[in-house]
């Protein structure tokens, strides 16, 4: 099994696990676990493939859905063993982001040959499943947290694309790019890295506008 396929399977599995962990926090039944895990696991890749106008990956290969199902069942029976399921969710999400930003960039670059599209698709692939998960679970949207998130996916996707353009083999480009994305996201969670937030000025009253 090649490295890029391992990243794909790993991204699906860990994102599915975060969906199942979100389901455990809401104390839903096993069907809820399956739904949360599947939507989170395949969400980002589905949007990517629809935008790229290529066959949706899990329709072509239903094994991806099987990965989500198996992951959901495992989490259903083991989630109670973890002291902080939300902290575990965040770290698994970081791992999924690292794997999927690289895989999304690889697939988009392979399909389009455009480095810009590759980076954008890497970010979308890595982030959309988590957005869906948080919306369904009623959790605070991870994109609205002050800690760096999208930047980590952007860095990983850009790193892979740059290394691929330089002629490195897939493995040599994918592994350091994924590690960079995980290091940035992990550092943001551990040390609170963030960019300065926008600070707006008080708005003018309607009568003051000429």
N, C-alpha and C. Protein backbone atom coordinates (compact mmCIF):
# COMPACT_ATOMS: atom_id res chain seq x y z
N UNK A 1 0.85 -1.19 0.00
CA UNK A 1 0.00 0.00 0.00
C UNK A 1 0.89 1.24 0.00
N UNK A 2 0.64 2.19 -0.94
CA UNK A 2 1.52 3.35 -1.02
C UNK A 2 1.17 4.38 0.04
N UNK A 3 2.08 5.32 0.24
CA UNK A 3 1.95 6.30 1.31
C UNK A 3 0.72 7.16 1.17
N UNK A 4 0.42 7.61 -0.04
CA UNK A 4 -0.71 8.51 -0.22
C UNK A 4 -2.02 7.82 0.10
N UNK A 5 -2.13 6.52 -0.20
CA UNK A 5 -3.34 5.78 0.14
C UNK A 5 -3.44 5.59 1.65
N UNK A 6 -2.31 5.39 2.31
CA UNK A 6 -2.32 5.29 3.77
C UNK A 6 -2.81 6.60 4.39
N UNK A 7 -2.36 7.73 3.86
CA UNK A 7 -2.83 9.02 4.34
C UNK A 7 -4.34 9.16 4.14
N UNK A 8 -4.84 8.69 3.02
CA UNK A 8 -6.27 8.76 2.73
C UNK A 8 -7.06 7.94 3.75
N UNK A 9 -6.67 6.69 3.95
CA UNK A 9 -7.37 5.83 4.91
C UNK A 9 -7.25 6.38 6.33
N UNK A 10 -6.05 6.89 6.66
CA UNK A 10 -5.85 7.44 8.01
C UNK A 10 -6.73 8.67 8.22
N UNK A 11 -6.81 9.52 7.21
CA UNK A 11 -7.65 10.70 7.32
C UNK A 11 -9.11 10.34 7.53
N UNK A 12 -9.59 9.37 6.77
CA UNK A 12 -10.98 8.92 6.92
C UNK A 12 -11.21 8.37 8.32
N UNK A 13 -10.30 7.50 8.79
CA UNK A 13 -10.48 6.84 10.08
C UNK A 13 -10.48 7.83 11.24
N UNK A 14 -9.53 8.75 11.25
CA UNK A 14 -9.44 9.66 12.39
C UNK A 14 -10.56 10.69 12.37
N UNK A 15 -10.96 11.16 11.18
CA UNK A 15 -12.10 12.07 11.13
C UNK A 15 -13.38 11.35 11.54
N UNK A 16 -13.53 10.09 11.11
CA UNK A 16 -14.69 9.31 11.54
C UNK A 16 -14.69 9.15 13.05
N UNK A 17 -13.52 8.95 13.64
CA UNK A 17 -13.42 8.82 15.09
C UNK A 17 -13.84 10.11 15.79
N UNK A 18 -13.47 11.26 15.22
CA UNK A 18 -13.89 12.51 15.85
C UNK A 18 -15.40 12.68 15.77
N UNK A 19 -15.99 12.25 14.65
CA UNK A 19 -17.44 12.29 14.55
C UNK A 19 -18.12 11.40 15.57
N UNK A 20 -17.57 10.19 15.74
CA UNK A 20 -18.14 9.27 16.73
C UNK A 20 -17.95 9.80 18.15
N UNK A 21 -16.83 10.44 18.42
CA UNK A 21 -16.61 11.03 19.75
C UNK A 21 -17.59 12.17 20.00
N UNK A 22 -17.88 12.95 18.96
CA UNK A 22 -18.89 14.00 19.10
C UNK A 22 -20.25 13.38 19.41
N UNK A 23 -20.54 12.25 18.77
CA UNK A 23 -21.79 11.54 19.04
C UNK A 23 -21.84 11.04 20.49
N UNK A 24 -20.70 10.59 20.99
CA UNK A 24 -20.66 10.09 22.37
C UNK A 24 -20.94 11.22 23.36
N UNK A 25 -20.47 12.42 23.04
CA UNK A 25 -20.71 13.57 23.92
C UNK A 25 -22.19 13.96 23.94
N UNK A 26 -22.90 13.63 22.85
CA UNK A 26 -24.33 13.91 22.79
C UNK A 26 -25.18 12.72 23.26
N UNK A 27 -24.51 11.62 23.58
CA UNK A 27 -25.16 10.42 24.11
C UNK A 27 -26.27 9.91 23.18
N UNK A 28 -25.93 9.79 21.90
CA UNK A 28 -26.90 9.26 20.94
C UNK A 28 -26.73 7.74 20.84
N UNK A 29 -27.61 7.10 20.06
CA UNK A 29 -27.54 5.64 19.91
C UNK A 29 -26.52 5.26 18.84
N UNK A 30 -26.41 3.96 18.59
CA UNK A 30 -25.39 3.46 17.67
C UNK A 30 -25.61 3.98 16.25
N UNK A 31 -26.86 4.18 15.85
CA UNK A 31 -27.14 4.72 14.53
C UNK A 31 -26.63 6.15 14.43
N UNK A 32 -26.79 6.90 15.51
CA UNK A 32 -26.23 8.25 15.55
C UNK A 32 -24.72 8.25 15.41
N UNK A 33 -24.08 7.28 16.07
CA UNK A 33 -22.61 7.14 15.94
C UNK A 33 -22.23 6.89 14.49
N UNK A 34 -22.95 5.98 13.83
CA UNK A 34 -22.64 5.65 12.43
C UNK A 34 -22.82 6.88 11.54
N UNK A 35 -23.87 7.64 11.79
CA UNK A 35 -24.14 8.82 10.97
C UNK A 35 -23.07 9.89 11.18
N UNK A 36 -22.77 10.19 12.44
CA UNK A 36 -21.76 11.22 12.73
C UNK A 36 -20.40 10.82 12.15
N UNK A 37 -20.03 9.56 12.34
CA UNK A 37 -18.73 9.10 11.86
C UNK A 37 -18.63 9.16 10.34
N UNK A 38 -19.70 8.75 9.66
CA UNK A 38 -19.67 8.71 8.20
C UNK A 38 -19.65 10.12 7.60
N UNK A 39 -20.52 10.99 8.11
CA UNK A 39 -20.56 12.35 7.56
C UNK A 39 -19.24 13.07 7.80
N UNK A 40 -18.67 12.90 8.99
CA UNK A 40 -17.40 13.56 9.28
C UNK A 40 -16.26 12.96 8.47
N UNK A 41 -16.26 11.64 8.34
CA UNK A 41 -15.18 10.97 7.64
C UNK A 41 -15.13 11.25 6.16
N UNK A 42 -16.29 11.28 5.50
CA UNK A 42 -16.30 11.42 4.04
C UNK A 42 -16.71 12.82 3.58
N UNK A 43 -17.09 13.70 4.51
CA UNK A 43 -17.62 15.00 4.12
C UNK A 43 -16.68 15.84 3.30
N UNK A 44 -15.46 16.03 3.78
CA UNK A 44 -14.50 16.88 3.09
C UNK A 44 -14.12 16.32 1.72
N UNK A 45 -13.90 15.03 1.65
CA UNK A 45 -13.54 14.41 0.39
C UNK A 45 -14.67 14.45 -0.63
N UNK A 46 -15.91 14.35 -0.14
CA UNK A 46 -17.06 14.43 -1.04
C UNK A 46 -17.15 15.80 -1.70
N UNK A 47 -17.01 16.85 -0.89
CA UNK A 47 -17.04 18.22 -1.44
C UNK A 47 -15.90 18.41 -2.44
N UNK A 48 -14.72 17.92 -2.10
CA UNK A 48 -13.57 18.02 -3.00
C UNK A 48 -13.86 17.39 -4.36
N UNK A 49 -14.37 16.15 -4.34
CA UNK A 49 -14.60 15.44 -5.59
C UNK A 49 -15.71 16.07 -6.42
N UNK A 50 -16.74 16.60 -5.75
CA UNK A 50 -17.80 17.28 -6.47
C UNK A 50 -17.28 18.54 -7.16
N UNK A 51 -16.43 19.29 -6.47
CA UNK A 51 -15.87 20.50 -7.06
C UNK A 51 -14.94 20.15 -8.22
N UNK A 52 -14.14 19.11 -8.06
CA UNK A 52 -13.21 18.69 -9.12
C UNK A 52 -13.91 17.97 -10.27
N UNK A 53 -15.19 17.66 -10.07
CA UNK A 53 -15.98 16.95 -11.08
C UNK A 53 -15.37 15.61 -11.44
N UNK A 54 -15.01 14.86 -10.40
CA UNK A 54 -14.51 13.49 -10.56
C UNK A 54 -15.43 12.56 -9.78
N UNK A 55 -15.42 11.26 -10.08
CA UNK A 55 -16.28 10.33 -9.32
C UNK A 55 -16.02 10.44 -7.82
N UNK A 56 -17.08 10.50 -7.05
CA UNK A 56 -16.95 10.61 -5.60
C UNK A 56 -16.31 9.34 -5.05
N UNK A 57 -15.27 9.51 -4.26
CA UNK A 57 -14.38 8.40 -3.91
C UNK A 57 -15.10 7.25 -3.22
N UNK A 58 -16.05 7.55 -2.32
CA UNK A 58 -16.67 6.46 -1.58
C UNK A 58 -17.76 5.76 -2.38
N UNK A 59 -18.21 6.37 -3.46
CA UNK A 59 -19.13 5.70 -4.38
C UNK A 59 -18.36 4.69 -5.23
N UNK A 60 -17.16 5.09 -5.64
CA UNK A 60 -16.31 4.20 -6.42
C UNK A 60 -15.80 3.04 -5.55
N UNK A 61 -15.45 3.34 -4.31
CA UNK A 61 -14.89 2.34 -3.41
C UNK A 61 -15.61 2.39 -2.06
N UNK A 62 -16.64 1.57 -1.87
CA UNK A 62 -17.42 1.59 -0.62
C UNK A 62 -16.62 1.18 0.62
N UNK A 63 -15.38 0.73 0.44
CA UNK A 63 -14.56 0.39 1.61
C UNK A 63 -14.39 1.58 2.54
N UNK A 64 -14.46 2.78 1.98
CA UNK A 64 -14.34 3.97 2.82
C UNK A 64 -15.49 4.07 3.82
N UNK A 65 -16.68 3.70 3.37
CA UNK A 65 -17.82 3.68 4.29
C UNK A 65 -17.64 2.60 5.35
N UNK A 66 -17.05 1.49 4.96
CA UNK A 66 -16.79 0.42 5.92
C UNK A 66 -15.82 0.89 6.99
N UNK A 67 -14.82 1.67 6.61
CA UNK A 67 -13.89 2.22 7.59
C UNK A 67 -14.64 3.09 8.60
N UNK A 68 -15.56 3.91 8.11
CA UNK A 68 -16.35 4.77 9.00
C UNK A 68 -17.20 3.93 9.95
N UNK A 69 -17.81 2.88 9.42
CA UNK A 69 -18.68 2.02 10.24
C UNK A 69 -17.87 1.33 11.33
N UNK A 70 -16.75 0.74 10.97
CA UNK A 70 -15.92 0.03 11.94
C UNK A 70 -15.42 1.00 13.01
N UNK A 71 -14.99 2.18 12.59
CA UNK A 71 -14.51 3.18 13.54
C UNK A 71 -15.60 3.60 14.49
N UNK A 72 -16.81 3.81 13.98
CA UNK A 72 -17.93 4.22 14.82
C UNK A 72 -18.25 3.17 15.88
N UNK A 73 -18.23 1.91 15.47
CA UNK A 73 -18.53 0.83 16.42
C UNK A 73 -17.44 0.74 17.50
N UNK A 74 -16.18 0.86 17.10
CA UNK A 74 -15.09 0.82 18.07
C UNK A 74 -15.21 1.95 19.09
N UNK A 75 -15.51 3.15 18.61
CA UNK A 75 -15.64 4.29 19.52
C UNK A 75 -16.86 4.12 20.42
N UNK A 76 -17.93 3.56 19.88
CA UNK A 76 -19.15 3.34 20.67
C UNK A 76 -18.86 2.50 21.92
N UNK A 77 -17.98 1.51 21.77
CA UNK A 77 -17.69 0.62 22.89
C UNK A 77 -16.48 1.04 23.74
N UNK A 78 -15.76 2.07 23.30
CA UNK A 78 -14.55 2.45 24.04
C UNK A 78 -14.52 3.91 24.48
N UNK A 79 -15.46 4.72 24.03
CA UNK A 79 -15.40 6.16 24.32
C UNK A 79 -15.39 6.44 25.81
N UNK A 80 -16.08 5.60 26.59
CA UNK A 80 -16.17 5.84 28.03
C UNK A 80 -14.83 5.65 28.75
N UNK A 81 -13.85 5.07 28.06
CA UNK A 81 -12.56 4.81 28.69
C UNK A 81 -11.68 6.05 28.76
N UNK A 82 -12.02 7.08 28.00
CA UNK A 82 -11.18 8.26 27.91
C UNK A 82 -11.66 9.34 28.87
N UNK A 83 -10.72 9.89 29.61
CA UNK A 83 -11.06 10.89 30.63
C UNK A 83 -11.59 12.18 30.00
N UNK A 84 -10.98 12.62 28.92
CA UNK A 84 -11.42 13.84 28.24
C UNK A 84 -11.64 13.53 26.77
N UNK A 85 -12.89 13.26 26.40
CA UNK A 85 -13.19 12.93 25.02
C UNK A 85 -13.04 14.13 24.10
N UNK A 86 -13.28 15.33 24.62
CA UNK A 86 -13.14 16.51 23.76
C UNK A 86 -11.67 16.76 23.42
N UNK A 87 -10.78 16.57 24.39
CA UNK A 87 -9.35 16.74 24.12
C UNK A 87 -8.89 15.70 23.10
N UNK A 88 -9.35 14.46 23.25
CA UNK A 88 -9.00 13.42 22.29
C UNK A 88 -9.55 13.77 20.91
N UNK A 89 -10.76 14.30 20.87
CA UNK A 89 -11.36 14.71 19.60
C UNK A 89 -10.47 15.73 18.90
N UNK A 90 -9.99 16.71 19.65
CA UNK A 90 -9.16 17.76 19.06
C UNK A 90 -7.86 17.22 18.49
N UNK A 91 -7.22 16.30 19.24
CA UNK A 91 -5.95 15.75 18.75
C UNK A 91 -6.15 14.83 17.55
N UNK A 92 -7.22 14.06 17.56
CA UNK A 92 -7.52 13.25 16.39
C UNK A 92 -7.86 14.13 15.19
N UNK A 93 -8.57 15.21 15.46
CA UNK A 93 -8.89 16.14 14.40
C UNK A 93 -7.62 16.73 13.78
N UNK A 94 -6.63 17.01 14.63
CA UNK A 94 -5.35 17.53 14.13
C UNK A 94 -4.66 16.50 13.24
N UNK A 95 -4.72 15.23 13.64
CA UNK A 95 -4.11 14.17 12.82
C UNK A 95 -4.85 14.02 11.50
N UNK A 96 -6.19 14.07 11.55
CA UNK A 96 -6.96 13.98 10.33
C UNK A 96 -6.70 15.14 9.40
N UNK A 97 -6.60 16.32 9.97
CA UNK A 97 -6.30 17.51 9.18
C UNK A 97 -4.96 17.36 8.47
N UNK A 98 -3.96 16.86 9.19
CA UNK A 98 -2.62 16.70 8.61
C UNK A 98 -2.64 15.71 7.45
N UNK A 99 -3.33 14.60 7.62
CA UNK A 99 -3.36 13.59 6.57
C UNK A 99 -4.18 14.07 5.37
N UNK A 100 -5.32 14.69 5.66
CA UNK A 100 -6.26 15.00 4.58
C UNK A 100 -5.89 16.25 3.80
N UNK A 101 -5.21 17.21 4.43
CA UNK A 101 -4.79 18.38 3.63
C UNK A 101 -3.79 17.96 2.59
N UNK A 102 -2.94 16.99 2.91
CA UNK A 102 -1.96 16.49 1.94
C UNK A 102 -2.64 15.64 0.87
N UNK A 103 -3.53 14.75 1.29
CA UNK A 103 -4.20 13.91 0.30
C UNK A 103 -5.05 14.75 -0.65
N UNK A 104 -5.77 15.73 -0.10
CA UNK A 104 -6.59 16.58 -0.95
C UNK A 104 -5.75 17.36 -1.95
N UNK A 105 -4.60 17.86 -1.49
CA UNK A 105 -3.70 18.57 -2.40
C UNK A 105 -3.15 17.65 -3.48
N UNK A 106 -2.78 16.42 -3.08
CA UNK A 106 -2.26 15.45 -4.05
C UNK A 106 -3.30 15.14 -5.12
N UNK A 107 -4.54 14.89 -4.69
CA UNK A 107 -5.56 14.51 -5.67
C UNK A 107 -5.87 15.67 -6.61
N UNK A 108 -6.02 16.87 -6.05
CA UNK A 108 -6.34 18.02 -6.88
C UNK A 108 -5.21 18.34 -7.85
N UNK A 109 -3.97 18.21 -7.39
CA UNK A 109 -2.82 18.47 -8.27
C UNK A 109 -2.74 17.42 -9.37
N UNK A 110 -3.06 16.18 -9.01
CA UNK A 110 -3.05 15.11 -10.01
C UNK A 110 -4.11 15.34 -11.08
N UNK A 111 -5.28 15.85 -10.66
CA UNK A 111 -6.40 16.04 -11.58
C UNK A 111 -6.23 17.29 -12.43
N UNK A 112 -5.82 18.40 -11.81
CA UNK A 112 -5.83 19.69 -12.49
C UNK A 112 -4.45 20.19 -12.92
N UNK A 113 -3.39 19.75 -12.22
CA UNK A 113 -2.06 20.28 -12.49
C UNK A 113 -1.87 21.70 -12.01
N UNK A 114 -2.84 22.24 -11.29
CA UNK A 114 -2.76 23.62 -10.81
C UNK A 114 -2.34 23.65 -9.35
N UNK A 115 -1.24 24.31 -9.01
CA UNK A 115 -0.84 24.38 -7.60
C UNK A 115 -1.82 25.16 -6.74
N UNK A 116 -2.46 26.18 -7.31
CA UNK A 116 -3.44 26.97 -6.55
C UNK A 116 -4.64 26.11 -6.18
N UNK A 117 -5.18 25.39 -7.16
CA UNK A 117 -6.33 24.52 -6.89
C UNK A 117 -5.94 23.42 -5.92
N UNK A 118 -4.72 22.91 -6.03
CA UNK A 118 -4.25 21.86 -5.13
C UNK A 118 -4.28 22.34 -3.68
N UNK A 119 -3.79 23.54 -3.43
CA UNK A 119 -3.76 24.06 -2.06
C UNK A 119 -5.18 24.30 -1.55
N UNK A 120 -6.02 24.90 -2.39
CA UNK A 120 -7.41 25.18 -1.97
C UNK A 120 -8.14 23.87 -1.65
N UNK A 121 -8.00 22.88 -2.51
CA UNK A 121 -8.68 21.61 -2.29
C UNK A 121 -8.13 20.87 -1.07
N UNK A 122 -6.84 21.05 -0.80
CA UNK A 122 -6.27 20.47 0.41
C UNK A 122 -6.92 21.05 1.65
N UNK A 123 -7.12 22.35 1.67
CA UNK A 123 -7.75 23.00 2.81
C UNK A 123 -9.21 22.56 2.95
N UNK A 124 -9.94 22.53 1.84
CA UNK A 124 -11.36 22.13 1.89
C UNK A 124 -11.49 20.68 2.36
N UNK A 125 -10.66 19.80 1.81
CA UNK A 125 -10.72 18.38 2.20
C UNK A 125 -10.47 18.21 3.69
N UNK A 126 -9.53 18.99 4.23
CA UNK A 126 -9.15 18.83 5.63
C UNK A 126 -10.12 19.47 6.60
N UNK A 127 -10.90 20.43 6.16
CA UNK A 127 -11.70 21.21 7.11
C UNK A 127 -13.19 20.95 7.05
N UNK A 128 -13.73 20.53 5.90
CA UNK A 128 -15.18 20.51 5.75
C UNK A 128 -15.84 19.46 6.63
N UNK A 129 -15.21 18.30 6.78
CA UNK A 129 -15.80 17.27 7.64
C UNK A 129 -15.95 17.74 9.07
N UNK A 130 -14.93 18.44 9.58
CA UNK A 130 -15.01 18.97 10.95
C UNK A 130 -16.08 20.03 11.09
N UNK A 131 -16.28 20.84 10.05
CA UNK A 131 -17.34 21.84 10.09
C UNK A 131 -18.70 21.17 10.20
N UNK A 132 -18.93 20.15 9.37
CA UNK A 132 -20.20 19.41 9.43
C UNK A 132 -20.40 18.77 10.79
N UNK A 133 -19.35 18.17 11.32
CA UNK A 133 -19.45 17.53 12.64
C UNK A 133 -19.88 18.51 13.72
N UNK A 134 -19.23 19.66 13.75
CA UNK A 134 -19.55 20.64 14.80
C UNK A 134 -20.96 21.20 14.63
N UNK A 135 -21.39 21.38 13.39
CA UNK A 135 -22.75 21.86 13.15
C UNK A 135 -23.77 20.85 13.63
N UNK A 136 -23.56 19.59 13.29
CA UNK A 136 -24.52 18.55 13.70
C UNK A 136 -24.56 18.37 15.21
N UNK A 137 -23.40 18.48 15.85
CA UNK A 137 -23.31 18.23 17.28
C UNK A 137 -23.64 19.46 18.11
N UNK A 138 -23.79 20.61 17.47
CA UNK A 138 -24.03 21.83 18.22
C UNK A 138 -22.83 22.25 19.04
N UNK A 139 -21.64 21.82 18.60
CA UNK A 139 -20.41 22.20 19.30
C UNK A 139 -19.90 23.53 18.76
N UNK A 140 -19.06 24.25 19.52
CA UNK A 140 -18.46 25.47 18.98
C UNK A 140 -17.68 25.16 17.70
N UNK A 141 -17.96 25.91 16.65
CA UNK A 141 -17.30 25.66 15.37
C UNK A 141 -15.80 25.81 15.51
N UNK A 142 -15.07 24.77 15.11
CA UNK A 142 -13.63 24.77 15.31
C UNK A 142 -12.94 25.87 14.51
N UNK A 143 -13.59 26.33 13.44
CA UNK A 143 -13.01 27.40 12.64
C UNK A 143 -13.08 28.75 13.35
N UNK A 144 -14.00 28.86 14.32
CA UNK A 144 -14.18 30.14 15.00
C UNK A 144 -13.33 30.24 16.27
N UNK A 145 -12.57 29.18 16.57
CA UNK A 145 -11.66 29.25 17.70
C UNK A 145 -10.48 30.15 17.36
N UNK A 146 -9.88 30.79 18.34
CA UNK A 146 -8.76 31.69 18.07
C UNK A 146 -7.49 30.94 17.69
N UNK A 147 -7.39 29.69 18.11
CA UNK A 147 -6.19 28.92 17.79
C UNK A 147 -6.09 28.68 16.28
N UNK A 148 -4.86 28.61 15.80
CA UNK A 148 -4.62 28.38 14.38
C UNK A 148 -5.20 27.02 13.96
N UNK A 149 -5.96 27.02 12.86
CA UNK A 149 -6.55 25.78 12.34
C UNK A 149 -6.40 25.72 10.82
N UNK A 150 -7.09 26.62 10.11
CA UNK A 150 -7.01 26.63 8.66
C UNK A 150 -5.57 26.85 8.20
N UNK A 151 -4.82 27.67 8.94
CA UNK A 151 -3.43 27.93 8.57
C UNK A 151 -2.61 26.64 8.55
N UNK A 152 -2.89 25.73 9.48
CA UNK A 152 -2.17 24.46 9.50
C UNK A 152 -2.46 23.64 8.25
N UNK A 153 -3.74 23.59 7.86
CA UNK A 153 -4.10 22.87 6.64
C UNK A 153 -3.49 23.54 5.41
N UNK A 154 -3.52 24.86 5.41
CA UNK A 154 -2.94 25.61 4.30
C UNK A 154 -1.44 25.35 4.18
N UNK A 155 -0.75 25.31 5.32
CA UNK A 155 0.70 25.07 5.32
C UNK A 155 1.00 23.66 4.81
N UNK A 156 0.25 22.67 5.28
CA UNK A 156 0.49 21.30 4.83
C UNK A 156 0.23 21.13 3.35
N UNK A 157 -0.88 21.69 2.87
CA UNK A 157 -1.21 21.57 1.45
C UNK A 157 -0.19 22.30 0.59
N UNK A 158 0.22 23.48 1.04
CA UNK A 158 1.20 24.25 0.28
C UNK A 158 2.57 23.56 0.28
N UNK A 159 2.93 22.98 1.41
CA UNK A 159 4.22 22.29 1.49
C UNK A 159 4.25 21.10 0.54
N UNK A 160 3.16 20.30 0.54
CA UNK A 160 3.13 19.17 -0.38
C UNK A 160 3.21 19.63 -1.83
N UNK A 161 2.40 20.64 -2.15
CA UNK A 161 2.36 21.11 -3.53
C UNK A 161 3.72 21.65 -3.98
N UNK A 162 4.36 22.41 -3.10
CA UNK A 162 5.68 22.94 -3.44
C UNK A 162 6.70 21.85 -3.64
N UNK A 163 6.70 20.84 -2.77
CA UNK A 163 7.65 19.75 -2.90
C UNK A 163 7.37 18.91 -4.14
N UNK A 164 6.08 18.72 -4.44
CA UNK A 164 5.72 17.96 -5.64
C UNK A 164 6.16 18.71 -6.90
N UNK A 165 5.99 20.03 -6.90
CA UNK A 165 6.41 20.83 -8.05
C UNK A 165 7.93 20.79 -8.22
N UNK A 166 8.63 20.61 -7.10
CA UNK A 166 10.09 20.52 -7.16
C UNK A 166 10.57 19.17 -7.66
N UNK A 167 9.63 18.25 -7.86
CA UNK A 167 9.98 16.96 -8.44
C UNK A 167 10.20 15.85 -7.44
N UNK A 168 9.88 16.07 -6.16
CA UNK A 168 10.07 15.01 -5.16
C UNK A 168 9.03 13.92 -5.37
N UNK A 169 9.38 12.67 -5.08
CA UNK A 169 8.40 11.59 -5.13
C UNK A 169 7.27 11.84 -4.12
N UNK A 170 6.17 11.16 -4.35
CA UNK A 170 4.99 11.39 -3.51
C UNK A 170 5.31 11.20 -2.03
N UNK A 171 5.99 10.10 -1.69
CA UNK A 171 6.29 9.83 -0.28
C UNK A 171 7.16 10.92 0.33
N UNK A 172 8.17 11.34 -0.41
CA UNK A 172 9.10 12.35 0.10
C UNK A 172 8.42 13.70 0.27
N UNK A 173 7.39 13.96 -0.51
CA UNK A 173 6.66 15.22 -0.39
C UNK A 173 5.55 15.13 0.65
N UNK A 174 4.88 13.98 0.73
CA UNK A 174 3.70 13.86 1.57
C UNK A 174 4.02 13.82 3.06
N UNK A 175 5.01 13.05 3.45
CA UNK A 175 5.28 12.86 4.88
C UNK A 175 5.71 14.15 5.58
N UNK A 176 6.70 14.89 5.07
CA UNK A 176 7.06 16.13 5.76
C UNK A 176 5.93 17.16 5.74
N UNK A 177 5.14 17.18 4.68
CA UNK A 177 4.03 18.12 4.62
C UNK A 177 2.98 17.80 5.69
N UNK A 178 2.66 16.52 5.84
CA UNK A 178 1.69 16.13 6.86
C UNK A 178 2.23 16.41 8.26
N UNK A 179 3.50 16.13 8.49
CA UNK A 179 4.11 16.40 9.80
C UNK A 179 4.11 17.89 10.11
N UNK A 180 4.34 18.72 9.09
CA UNK A 180 4.33 20.17 9.30
C UNK A 180 2.94 20.64 9.70
N UNK A 181 1.92 20.14 9.02
CA UNK A 181 0.55 20.54 9.35
C UNK A 181 0.19 20.12 10.77
N UNK A 182 0.57 18.89 11.14
CA UNK A 182 0.25 18.41 12.48
C UNK A 182 1.00 19.20 13.54
N UNK A 183 2.26 19.53 13.26
CA UNK A 183 3.07 20.29 14.23
C UNK A 183 2.48 21.67 14.46
N UNK A 184 2.02 22.31 13.39
CA UNK A 184 1.44 23.65 13.53
C UNK A 184 0.14 23.59 14.30
N UNK A 185 -0.73 22.66 13.94
CA UNK A 185 -2.01 22.55 14.66
C UNK A 185 -1.78 22.10 16.10
N UNK A 186 -0.89 21.14 16.31
CA UNK A 186 -0.60 20.69 17.67
C UNK A 186 0.01 21.79 18.52
N UNK A 187 0.92 22.55 17.94
CA UNK A 187 1.50 23.67 18.67
C UNK A 187 0.48 24.72 19.03
N UNK A 188 -0.47 24.94 18.11
CA UNK A 188 -1.54 25.92 18.39
C UNK A 188 -2.39 25.47 19.57
N UNK A 189 -2.69 24.17 19.64
CA UNK A 189 -3.50 23.68 20.75
C UNK A 189 -2.73 23.70 22.06
N UNK A 190 -1.47 23.35 22.01
CA UNK A 190 -0.67 23.24 23.23
C UNK A 190 -0.24 24.61 23.76
N UNK A 191 0.12 25.50 22.85
CA UNK A 191 0.68 26.79 23.27
C UNK A 191 -0.23 27.98 22.98
N UNK A 192 -1.38 27.71 22.39
CA UNK A 192 -2.33 28.79 22.14
C UNK A 192 -1.94 29.73 21.02
N UNK A 193 -1.19 29.23 20.03
CA UNK A 193 -0.79 30.09 18.92
C UNK A 193 -2.03 30.62 18.20
N UNK A 194 -2.02 31.89 17.87
CA UNK A 194 -3.12 32.49 17.13
C UNK A 194 -2.65 33.78 16.48
N UNK A 195 -3.40 34.24 15.50
CA UNK A 195 -3.14 35.52 14.89
C UNK A 195 -3.92 36.60 15.64
N UNK A 196 -3.45 37.85 15.58
CA UNK A 196 -4.19 38.93 16.25
C UNK A 196 -5.59 39.03 15.65
N UNK A 197 -6.64 39.10 16.49
CA UNK A 197 -8.00 39.19 15.96
C UNK A 197 -8.30 40.59 15.43
N UNK A 198 -9.26 40.66 14.56
CA UNK A 198 -9.70 41.96 14.05
C UNK A 198 -10.42 42.72 15.16
N UNK A 199 -10.11 43.98 15.30
CA UNK A 199 -10.76 44.83 16.29
C UNK A 199 -11.42 45.99 15.56
N UNK A 200 -12.74 45.91 15.47
CA UNK A 200 -13.48 46.94 14.76
C UNK A 200 -13.65 48.21 15.58
N UNK A 201 -13.87 49.29 14.88
CA UNK A 201 -14.16 50.55 15.55
C UNK A 201 -15.66 50.72 15.70
N UNK A 202 -16.11 51.51 16.66
CA UNK A 202 -17.56 51.71 16.83
C UNK A 202 -18.18 52.24 15.54
N UNK A 203 -19.33 51.69 15.19
CA UNK A 203 -20.01 52.12 13.98
C UNK A 203 -20.62 53.50 14.12
N UNK A 204 -20.88 54.13 12.99
CA UNK A 204 -21.50 55.45 13.00
C UNK A 204 -23.01 55.31 13.05
N UNK A 205 -23.66 56.29 13.63
CA UNK A 205 -25.10 56.32 13.66
C UNK A 205 -25.62 56.68 12.27
N UNK A 206 -26.80 56.20 11.90
CA UNK A 206 -27.33 56.49 10.57
C UNK A 206 -27.40 57.98 10.27
N UNK A 207 -27.72 58.79 11.28
CA UNK A 207 -27.86 60.22 11.03
C UNK A 207 -26.53 60.91 10.79
N UNK A 208 -25.41 60.21 11.14
CA UNK A 208 -24.10 60.80 10.92
C UNK A 208 -23.54 60.55 9.52
N UNK A 209 -24.23 59.66 8.79
CA UNK A 209 -23.76 59.29 7.45
C UNK A 209 -24.33 60.27 6.43
N UNK A 210 -23.46 60.89 5.67
CA UNK A 210 -23.92 61.87 4.67
C UNK A 210 -23.82 61.31 3.27
